[in-house]
Amino acid sequence: MNFRTVLITGGSKGLGKKLAESFFANGDYVAVAARNSHDLFLPAERFRFIKTDVRYPGELEKAVSETVAWTGQLNVMINNAGQSAWKPLAEINETFWDDMINTNMKSVMFGCKAAAHVMKTGDSIINISSLAGKRGSANNAVYCASKFGVNGITQSLAKELGTRGIRVNAVCPVYLRTDGLEEALNTADSPSKGMDITFFLKEFARTQTALGVLPTEEQVADTCLFLSSKAAGAITGQCINIDCGVLPQ
């Protein structure tokens, strides 16, 4: 087969939507697995929407099975589904912990497991992590724990699946201005502390980045396209910052 099949979790909005559009524009067959209906207007010949709750391993196995039944293969798995929220330690409860960990980290582990079962040499997995997976911040312990976990999963599975020729990488963006981020920032416990979000992000870019700007969804998608390509054939186990120089490493 001279085409690729890509499965993207949480691909119905935000970064996931941009990933779906970018891989589709690249000529790939794209399946999106998400809880909510999509607003992607892509021709059905190379696009599928699979209703999926990524918090449940069985749902992820079903999404992979349906994708393989559609095209006969799965070449790129992008574990993108996630959520962001700030909450101080005194207010963290088990419900908040379970929902964040299940959505952000458990889904990555079992998404990788389901994909690896059907993948072959030359295929790759890309996990969408965060700069919060590299450093902690106030009121963000649970989100940071989930993303540190994603990076650990990425590094471990790169070693484990590398023997089969399957590469596993992660990307770690800083703030991407999506509806989900705006909703999370628009709370008293977030770093914006009630500040106008546009002003907060501009000030963050001015004071914290090397380039004076924040990355875009398109730049993250371009990085994922590269990581999935033959040009990145020697790259695995990496958690790559896409942060315009907030955390040089």
Protein backbone atom coordinates (compact mmCIF):
# COMPACT_ATOMS: atom_id res chain seq x y z
CA MET A 1 0.00 0.00 0.00
CA ASN A 2 1.37 3.43 -0.92
CA PHE A 3 -0.79 5.47 1.43
CA ARG A 4 -0.77 5.98 5.18
CA THR A 5 -3.55 5.72 7.74
CA VAL A 6 -3.50 8.06 10.74
CA LEU A 7 -5.64 7.79 13.89
CA ILE A 8 -5.96 10.92 16.05
CA THR A 9 -7.67 10.90 19.44
CA GLY A 10 -9.51 14.04 20.47
CA GLY A 11 -9.35 15.19 16.88
CA SER A 12 -12.65 17.00 16.63
CA LYS A 13 -11.53 20.42 17.90
CA GLY A 14 -8.54 22.54 18.86
CA LEU A 15 -5.12 21.09 18.10
CA GLY A 16 -6.64 17.73 17.19
CA LYS A 17 -8.69 19.34 14.44
CA LYS A 18 -5.59 21.05 13.03
CA LEU A 19 -3.71 17.74 13.13
CA ALA A 20 -6.53 16.02 11.23
CA GLU A 21 -6.60 18.76 8.60
CA SER A 22 -2.81 18.75 8.20
CA PHE A 23 -2.44 14.99 7.82
CA PHE A 24 -5.40 14.94 5.43
CA ALA A 25 -3.75 17.69 3.35
CA ASN A 26 -0.62 15.53 3.35
CA GLY A 27 -2.57 12.87 1.47
CA ASP A 28 -3.14 10.52 4.41
CA TYR A 29 -6.28 8.65 5.36
CA VAL A 30 -7.40 10.17 8.66
CA ALA A 31 -9.57 8.68 11.39
CA VAL A 32 -10.61 10.84 14.33
CA ALA A 33 -11.59 9.25 17.65
CA ALA A 34 -13.43 11.59 20.01
CA ARG A 35 -16.38 11.76 22.37
CA ASN A 36 -18.14 14.61 20.62
CA SER A 37 -19.24 14.99 17.03
CA HIS A 38 -16.80 16.74 14.75
CA ASP A 39 -16.99 19.85 12.61
CA LEU A 40 -14.33 18.69 10.18
CA PHE A 41 -15.50 19.06 6.62
CA LEU A 42 -13.20 16.54 4.97
CA PRO A 43 -14.21 14.31 2.04
CA ALA A 44 -15.45 10.97 3.34
CA GLU A 45 -13.24 8.96 0.99
CA ARG A 46 -10.19 9.60 3.22
CA PHE A 47 -11.85 10.55 6.50
CA ARG A 48 -13.67 8.71 9.28
CA PHE A 49 -15.11 9.83 12.61
CA ILE A 50 -15.22 7.16 15.33
CA LYS A 51 -17.16 8.05 18.47
CA THR A 52 -14.79 7.17 21.32
CA ASP A 53 -14.39 7.85 25.02
CA VAL A 54 -10.62 7.63 25.40
CA ARG A 55 -10.86 7.11 29.17
CA TYR A 56 -11.81 3.48 28.53
CA PRO A 57 -9.26 1.05 27.00
CA GLY A 58 -11.98 -0.95 25.27
CA GLU A 59 -13.10 2.15 23.41
CA LEU A 60 -9.55 2.76 22.19
CA GLU A 61 -9.24 -0.85 21.05
CA LYS A 62 -12.51 -0.41 19.13
CA ALA A 63 -11.24 2.78 17.47
CA VAL A 64 -8.07 1.02 16.34
CA SER A 65 -10.01 -2.01 15.11
CA GLU A 66 -12.43 0.16 13.12
CA THR A 67 -9.55 2.10 11.60
CA VAL A 68 -7.78 -1.08 10.48
CA ALA A 69 -11.06 -2.50 9.16
CA TRP A 70 -11.43 0.68 7.08
CA THR A 71 -8.02 0.79 5.36
CA GLY A 72 -6.26 -2.41 6.39
CA GLN A 73 -3.51 -0.64 8.34
CA LEU A 74 -2.57 1.89 11.00
CA ASN A 75 0.67 3.74 10.34
CA VAL A 76 0.55 6.77 12.64
CA MET A 77 -1.16 6.93 16.03
CA ILE A 78 -1.49 10.39 17.59
CA ASN A 79 -2.63 10.38 21.21
CA ASN A 80 -3.91 13.93 21.37
CA ALA A 81 -6.99 13.81 23.62
CA GLY A 82 -6.54 15.76 26.81
CA GLN A 83 -7.82 18.44 29.12
CA SER A 84 -6.30 21.27 31.13
CA ALA A 85 -7.36 22.74 34.46
CA TRP A 86 -5.70 24.48 37.38
CA LYS A 87 -6.67 23.69 40.97
CA PRO A 88 -4.81 24.33 44.24
CA LEU A 89 -3.79 21.36 46.37
CA ALA A 90 -6.44 22.02 49.03
CA GLU A 91 -9.20 21.69 46.42
CA ILE A 92 -7.98 18.58 44.60
CA ASN A 93 -10.26 15.58 45.10
CA GLU A 94 -10.33 12.07 43.68
CA THR A 95 -12.85 12.96 41.00
CA PHE A 96 -10.61 15.73 39.64
CA TRP A 97 -7.57 13.45 39.83
CA ASP A 98 -9.25 10.48 38.16
CA ASP A 99 -10.74 12.48 35.31
CA MET A 100 -7.48 14.29 34.51
CA ILE A 101 -5.28 11.20 34.78
CA ASN A 102 -7.68 8.99 32.83
CA THR A 103 -8.08 11.54 30.04
CA ASN A 104 -4.50 12.74 29.76
CA MET A 105 -2.34 9.74 30.72
CA LYS A 106 -4.33 6.50 30.89
CA SER A 107 -5.67 7.17 27.39
CA VAL A 108 -2.11 7.55 26.09
CA MET A 109 -0.93 4.28 27.62
CA PHE A 110 -3.83 2.26 26.28
CA GLY A 111 -3.91 4.13 22.98
CA CYS A 112 -0.27 3.11 22.50
CA LYS A 113 -1.08 -0.46 23.51
CA ALA A 114 -3.96 -0.77 21.05
CA ALA A 115 -1.97 0.80 18.21
CA ALA A 116 1.20 -1.22 18.84
CA HIS A 117 -0.80 -4.43 18.53
CA VAL A 118 -1.43 -3.75 14.82
CA MET A 119 1.58 -1.62 13.84
CA LYS A 120 4.52 -2.76 11.74
CA THR A 121 8.10 -1.70 11.15
CA GLY A 122 8.25 1.92 9.99
CA ASP A 123 5.08 2.98 11.79
CA SER A 124 5.11 5.57 14.55
CA ILE A 125 3.29 6.86 17.61
CA ILE A 126 3.20 10.53 18.59
CA ASN A 127 1.95 11.59 22.01
CA ILE A 128 0.77 15.15 22.57
CA SER A 129 2.32 16.17 25.87
CA SER A 130 3.04 19.67 27.19
CA LEU A 131 5.80 21.85 28.53
CA ALA A 132 4.04 21.08 31.83
CA GLY A 133 5.48 17.60 31.41
CA LYS A 134 8.96 19.10 31.84
CA ARG A 135 8.46 21.44 34.80
CA GLY A 136 5.91 21.96 37.56
CA SER A 137 3.90 25.08 38.24
CA ALA A 138 1.59 26.32 40.98
CA ASN A 139 -1.99 25.01 41.11
CA ASN A 140 -1.11 22.59 38.34
CA ALA A 141 0.05 19.43 40.16
CA VAL A 142 -2.44 17.02 38.59
CA TYR A 143 -2.05 18.26 35.02
CA CYS A 144 1.74 18.26 35.39
CA ALA A 145 1.65 14.73 36.82
CA SER A 146 -0.38 13.54 33.84
CA LYS A 147 2.01 15.09 31.32
CA PHE A 148 5.17 13.96 33.13
CA GLY A 149 3.55 10.52 32.87
CA VAL A 150 3.03 10.92 29.14
CA ASN A 151 6.72 11.71 28.70
CA GLY A 152 7.68 8.66 30.77
CA ILE A 153 5.41 6.43 28.71
CA THR A 154 6.91 7.86 25.53
CA GLN A 155 10.50 7.20 26.57
CA SER A 156 9.78 3.70 27.87
CA LEU A 157 7.78 2.55 24.86
CA ALA A 158 10.39 3.92 22.48
CA LYS A 159 12.82 1.43 24.01
CA GLU A 160 10.27 -1.39 24.07
CA LEU A 161 8.78 -0.94 20.60
CA GLY A 162 12.04 0.06 18.95
CA THR A 163 12.94 -3.60 18.60
CA ARG A 164 9.99 -3.88 16.20
CA GLY A 165 10.96 -0.76 14.24
CA ILE A 166 8.14 1.35 15.71
CA ARG A 167 9.12 4.86 16.78
CA VAL A 168 7.50 6.67 19.73
CA ASN A 169 7.90 10.41 20.30
CA ALA A 170 6.10 13.24 22.07
CA VAL A 171 5.69 16.94 21.46
CA CYS A 172 5.54 19.39 24.36
CA PRO A 173 3.91 22.68 23.38
CA VAL A 174 3.58 25.68 25.63
CA TYR A 175 0.29 27.61 25.54
CA LEU A 176 -1.69 27.06 22.32
CA ARG A 177 -4.65 29.39 22.11
CA THR A 178 -7.55 26.98 21.79
CA ASP A 179 -11.06 27.11 23.20
CA GLY A 180 -10.00 24.56 25.83
CA LEU A 181 -7.05 26.68 26.98
CA GLU A 182 -9.15 29.83 27.13
CA GLU A 183 -11.73 28.05 29.27
CA ALA A 184 -9.02 26.76 31.62
CA LEU A 185 -7.29 30.15 31.86
CA ASN A 186 -10.57 31.90 32.57
CA THR A 187 -10.55 30.73 36.20
CA ALA A 188 -9.29 32.31 39.41
CA ASP A 189 -6.74 29.51 40.01
CA SER A 190 -5.05 29.80 36.61
CA PRO A 191 -1.86 31.83 36.00
CA SER A 192 -3.91 34.59 34.37
CA LYS A 193 -5.59 35.28 37.75
CA GLY A 194 -8.57 36.87 36.04
CA MET A 195 -6.45 38.97 33.69
CA ASP A 196 -7.66 39.48 30.13
CA ILE A 197 -6.50 36.33 28.36
CA THR A 198 -5.19 38.09 25.26
CA PHE A 199 -3.13 40.44 27.42
CA PHE A 200 -1.90 37.58 29.62
CA LEU A 201 -0.71 35.52 26.64
CA LYS A 202 0.99 38.52 25.03
CA GLU A 203 2.79 39.29 28.29
CA PHE A 204 3.79 35.65 28.72
CA ALA A 205 5.19 35.59 25.18
CA ARG A 206 7.03 38.88 25.74
CA THR A 207 8.58 37.93 29.07
CA GLN A 208 9.00 34.14 28.92
CA THR A 209 9.80 33.15 25.33
CA ALA A 210 13.02 33.68 23.38
CA LEU A 211 11.17 34.65 20.20
CA GLY A 212 8.56 36.94 21.68
CA VAL A 213 5.68 34.88 20.31
CA LEU A 214 3.80 31.71 21.16
CA PRO A 215 3.69 28.65 18.90
CA THR A 216 0.70 27.98 16.67
CA GLU A 217 -1.34 24.83 16.19
CA GLU A 218 -0.03 24.69 12.62
CA GLN A 219 3.57 24.62 13.86
CA VAL A 220 2.77 21.74 16.20
CA ALA A 221 1.06 19.89 13.36
CA ASP A 222 4.08 20.47 11.10
CA THR A 223 6.34 18.99 13.77
CA CYS A 224 4.10 15.93 14.03
CA LEU A 225 4.14 15.52 10.24
CA PHE A 226 7.93 15.56 10.36
CA LEU A 227 8.13 13.08 13.25
CA SER A 228 5.88 10.68 11.36
CA SER A 229 7.97 10.89 8.19
CA LYS A 230 10.92 8.88 6.93
CA ALA A 231 13.05 12.00 7.41
CA ALA A 232 12.69 11.43 11.16
CA GLY A 233 13.59 7.76 10.91
CA ALA A 234 16.40 8.09 13.47
CA ILE A 235 14.31 10.00 16.03
CA THR A 236 12.56 8.09 18.80
CA GLY A 237 12.04 8.47 22.54
CA GLN A 238 12.17 12.25 22.28
CA CYS A 239 9.86 14.74 24.01
CA ILE A 240 10.32 17.81 21.87
CA ASN A 241 9.56 21.26 23.24
CA ILE A 242 7.53 23.48 20.92
CA ASP A 243 7.72 26.59 23.05
CA CYS A 244 9.52 29.37 21.17
CA GLY A 245 12.36 29.10 23.65
CA VAL A 246 10.55 29.17 27.01
CA LEU A 247 12.58 26.19 28.25
CA PRO A 248 15.78 25.73 26.20
CA GLN A 249 17.13 22.19 26.56
